[in-house]
Amino acid sequence: MREHYFSADLIQTDPILAYFDYKHLPSNLQGVSALFANFAELLYDDVPRSAERTMAFRKLLEAKDCAIRAAL
């Protein structure tokens, strides 16, 4: 599993990215959360900033939260 980190500059541009950090989670949940962090990075890199991209981040965060709860 790759260590994931969004820089302060990226978080300043899109504050929602801070919620995709997973280093604080127990090891059994980091793998689940890392999948969503990796996808958030792809979304940031490949999709132009827009209201739809913001909504995609929100929906991705919602899905991540559901997956984490399911893994508990």
Protein backbone atom coordinates (compact mmCIF):
# COMPACT_ATOMS: atom_id res chain seq x y z
CA MET A 1 0.00 0.00 0.00
CA ARG A 2 1.36 3.37 -1.01
CA GLU A 3 1.61 6.10 1.61
CA HIS A 4 -0.83 8.79 0.56
CA TYR A 5 -0.65 12.44 1.33
CA PHE A 6 -2.27 15.51 -0.18
CA SER A 7 -0.09 18.58 0.13
CA ALA A 8 -1.26 21.68 1.97
CA ASP A 9 -1.44 23.48 -1.39
CA LEU A 10 -3.80 20.88 -2.83
CA ILE A 11 -5.93 20.93 0.30
CA GLN A 12 -6.09 24.71 0.11
CA THR A 13 -7.31 24.40 -3.49
CA ASP A 14 -9.81 21.65 -2.63
CA PRO A 15 -10.32 21.38 1.16
CA ILE A 16 -12.32 18.16 0.84
CA LEU A 17 -9.07 16.34 -0.01
CA ALA A 18 -8.10 16.50 3.66
CA TYR A 19 -10.84 13.95 4.39
CA PHE A 20 -9.17 11.34 2.18
CA ASP A 21 -6.09 11.08 4.41
CA TYR A 22 -5.97 7.69 6.12
CA LYS A 23 -2.72 7.59 8.12
CA HIS A 24 -4.67 8.19 11.34
CA LEU A 25 -6.83 5.09 10.85
CA PRO A 26 -6.12 1.67 12.36
CA SER A 27 -4.15 -0.54 9.99
CA ASN A 28 -7.16 -2.78 9.25
CA LEU A 29 -9.04 0.25 7.83
CA GLN A 30 -6.17 1.95 6.00
CA GLY A 31 -6.36 -0.38 3.01
CA VAL A 32 -10.05 0.35 2.50
CA SER A 33 -9.56 4.09 2.83
CA ALA A 34 -6.46 4.10 0.60
CA LEU A 35 -8.54 2.93 -2.36
CA PHE A 36 -10.65 6.06 -2.11
CA ALA A 37 -7.64 8.34 -1.57
CA ASN A 38 -6.05 6.95 -4.72
CA PHE A 39 -9.21 7.54 -6.71
CA ALA A 40 -9.50 11.08 -5.28
CA GLU A 41 -5.98 11.75 -6.54
CA LEU A 42 -6.88 10.51 -10.02
CA LEU A 43 -10.01 12.63 -10.00
CA TYR A 44 -8.01 15.69 -8.98
CA ASP A 45 -5.39 15.08 -11.68
CA ASP A 46 -7.65 14.09 -14.57
CA VAL A 47 -10.90 16.04 -14.20
CA PRO A 48 -11.02 19.82 -14.57
CA ARG A 49 -12.19 21.79 -11.56
CA SER A 50 -15.94 22.32 -11.74
CA ALA A 51 -19.10 22.02 -9.69
CA GLU A 52 -19.43 18.46 -10.98
CA ARG A 53 -15.93 17.52 -9.82
CA THR A 54 -16.74 18.93 -6.39
CA MET A 55 -19.89 16.80 -6.30
CA ALA A 56 -17.84 13.77 -7.37
CA PHE A 57 -15.50 14.35 -4.41
CA ARG A 58 -18.49 14.61 -2.06
CA LYS A 59 -19.99 11.38 -3.36
CA LEU A 60 -16.61 9.64 -3.18
CA LEU A 61 -16.20 10.77 0.42
CA GLU A 62 -19.68 9.47 1.21
CA ALA A 63 -18.80 6.12 -0.37
CA LYS A 64 -15.53 5.99 1.58
CA ASP A 65 -17.37 6.59 4.85
CA CYS A 66 -19.80 3.79 4.04
CA ALA A 67 -16.97 1.40 3.17
CA ILE A 68 -15.15 2.20 6.41
CA ARG A 69 -18.31 1.57 8.44
CA ALA A 70 -18.86 -1.70 6.57
CA ALA A 71 -15.30 -2.77 7.38
CA LEU A 72 -15.74 -2.13 11.12
